[in-house]
C-alpha atoms as a PDB file:
ATOM      1  CA  GLY A   1       5.877   3.398  -0.076  1.00  0.00           C
ATOM      2  CA  ALA A   2       4.444   3.983  -3.561  1.00  0.00           C
ATOM      3  CA  TRP A   3       1.111   2.379  -2.664  1.00  0.00           C
ATOM      4  CA  VAL A   4       0.717   4.655   0.373  1.00  0.00           C
ATOM      5  CA  HIS A   5       1.651   7.602  -1.838  1.00  0.00           C
ATOM      6  CA  ALA A   6      -1.057   6.572  -4.333  1.00  0.00           C
ATOM      7  CA  TYR A   7      -3.604   6.197  -1.541  1.00  0.00           C
ATOM      8  CA  LEU A   8      -2.865   9.682  -0.199  1.00  0.00           C
ATOM      9  CA  HIS A   9      -3.281  11.269  -3.640  1.00  0.00           C
ATOM     10  CA  ARG A  10      -6.562   9.376  -4.051  1.00  0.00           C
ATOM     11  CA  LYS A  11      -7.702  10.609  -0.633  1.00  0.00           C
ATOM     12  CA  GLU A  12      -6.904  14.199  -1.689  1.00  0.00           C
ATOM     13  CA  GLY A  13      -8.906  13.711  -4.895  1.00  0.00           C
ATOM     14  CA  ASP A  14      -5.836  13.932  -7.154  1.00  0.00           C
ATOM     15  CA  LEU A  15      -6.724  10.854  -9.205  1.00  0.00           C
ATOM     16  CA  GLY A  16      -4.286  11.545 -12.042  1.00  0.00           C
ATOM     17  CA  ASN A  17      -1.312  11.612  -9.711  1.00  0.00           C
ATOM     18  CA  ALA A  18      -2.741   8.661  -7.774  1.00  0.00           C
ATOM     19  CA  ALA A  19      -2.875   6.619 -11.003  1.00  0.00           C
ATOM     20  CA  TYR A  20       0.826   7.286 -11.590  1.00  0.00           C
ATOM     21  CA  TRP A  21       1.711   6.066  -8.102  1.00  0.00           C
ATOM     22  CA  TYR A  22      -0.514   2.979  -8.386  1.00  0.00           C
ATOM     23  CA  ARG A  23       1.484   2.058 -11.494  1.00  0.00           C
ATOM     24  CA  ARG A  24       4.745   2.605  -9.595  1.00  0.00           C
ATOM     25  CA  ALA A  25       3.402   0.375  -6.808  1.00  0.00           C
ATOM     26  CA  ASP A  26       2.316  -2.290  -9.324  1.00  0.00           C
ATOM     27  CA  GLN A  27      -1.243  -2.033  -7.967  1.00  0.00           C
ATOM     28  CA  ARG A  28      -4.591  -1.594  -9.676  1.00  0.00           C
ATOM     29  CA  VAL A  29      -6.255   1.765  -9.150  1.00  0.00           C
ATOM     30  CA  ALA A  30      -8.552   1.204  -6.186  1.00  0.00           C
ATOM     31  CA  SER A  31     -12.274   1.608  -6.704  1.00  0.00           C
ATOM     32  CA  ASP A  32     -13.515   0.543  -3.284  1.00  0.00           C
ATOM     33  CA  SER A  33     -13.733   2.703  -0.166  1.00  0.00           C
ATOM     34  CA  LEU A  34     -10.689   4.475   1.215  1.00  0.00           C
ATOM     35  CA  ASP A  35     -11.122   2.540   4.472  1.00  0.00           C
ATOM     36  CA  ALA A  36     -11.082  -0.810   2.656  1.00  0.00           C
ATOM     37  CA  GLU A  37      -7.971   0.135   0.707  1.00  0.00           C
ATOM     38  CA  TRP A  38      -6.215   1.339   3.858  1.00  0.00           C
ATOM     39  CA  GLU A  39      -6.932  -2.037   5.501  1.00  0.00           C
ATOM     40  CA  ARG A  40      -5.297  -3.804   2.526  1.00  0.00           C
ATOM     41  CA  ILE A  41      -2.261  -1.527   2.693  1.00  0.00           C
ATOM     42  CA  VAL A  42      -1.805  -2.043   6.438  1.00  0.00           C
ATOM     43  CA  THR A  43      -2.218  -5.809   6.092  1.00  0.00           C
ATOM     44  CA  ALA A  44       0.383  -5.914   3.312  1.00  0.00           C
ATOM     45  CA  LEU A  45       2.859  -3.758   5.225  1.00  0.00           C
ATOM     46  CA  LEU A  46       2.524  -5.712   8.469  1.00  0.00           C
ATOM     47  CA  ARG A  47       2.912  -9.118   6.817  1.00  0.00           C
ATOM     48  CA  PRO A  48       6.243 -10.704   7.822  1.00  0.00           C
ATOM     49  CA  CYS A  49       8.988 -10.654   5.204  1.00  0.00           C
ATOM     50  CA  PRO A  50       9.918 -14.107   3.869  1.00  0.00           C
ATOM     51  CA  ALA A  51      13.609 -13.198   4.276  1.00  0.00           C
ATOM     52  CA  SER A  52      13.150 -12.643   8.011  1.00  0.00           C
ATOM     53  CA  ALA A  53      11.542 -16.054   8.633  1.00  0.00           C
ATOM     54  CA  GLY A  54      14.824 -17.711   9.585  1.00  0.00           C
ATOM     55  CA  LEU A  55      16.208 -14.886  11.701  1.00  0.00           C
ATOM     56  CA  PRO A  56      16.240 -15.132  15.494  1.00  0.00           C
ATOM     57  CA  SER A  57      13.729 -12.912  17.250  1.00  0.00           C
ATOM     58  CA  GLU A  58      14.936  -9.923  19.235  1.00  0.00           C
ATOM     59  CA  THR A  59      14.577 -10.159  23.004  1.00  0.00           C
END
């Protein structure tokens, strides 16, 4: 959640507040395009949790 929060502040141009939220998310302040950062966020959020690897799938 904190990384998305940082991204949204960056998108709004509020870089000071974004920097705070990047620290909370344990992420470097992004310097690439917003689109590239969003792709990284989505990829990270959609990656399966290691804890769920042994759970049966829902049917």
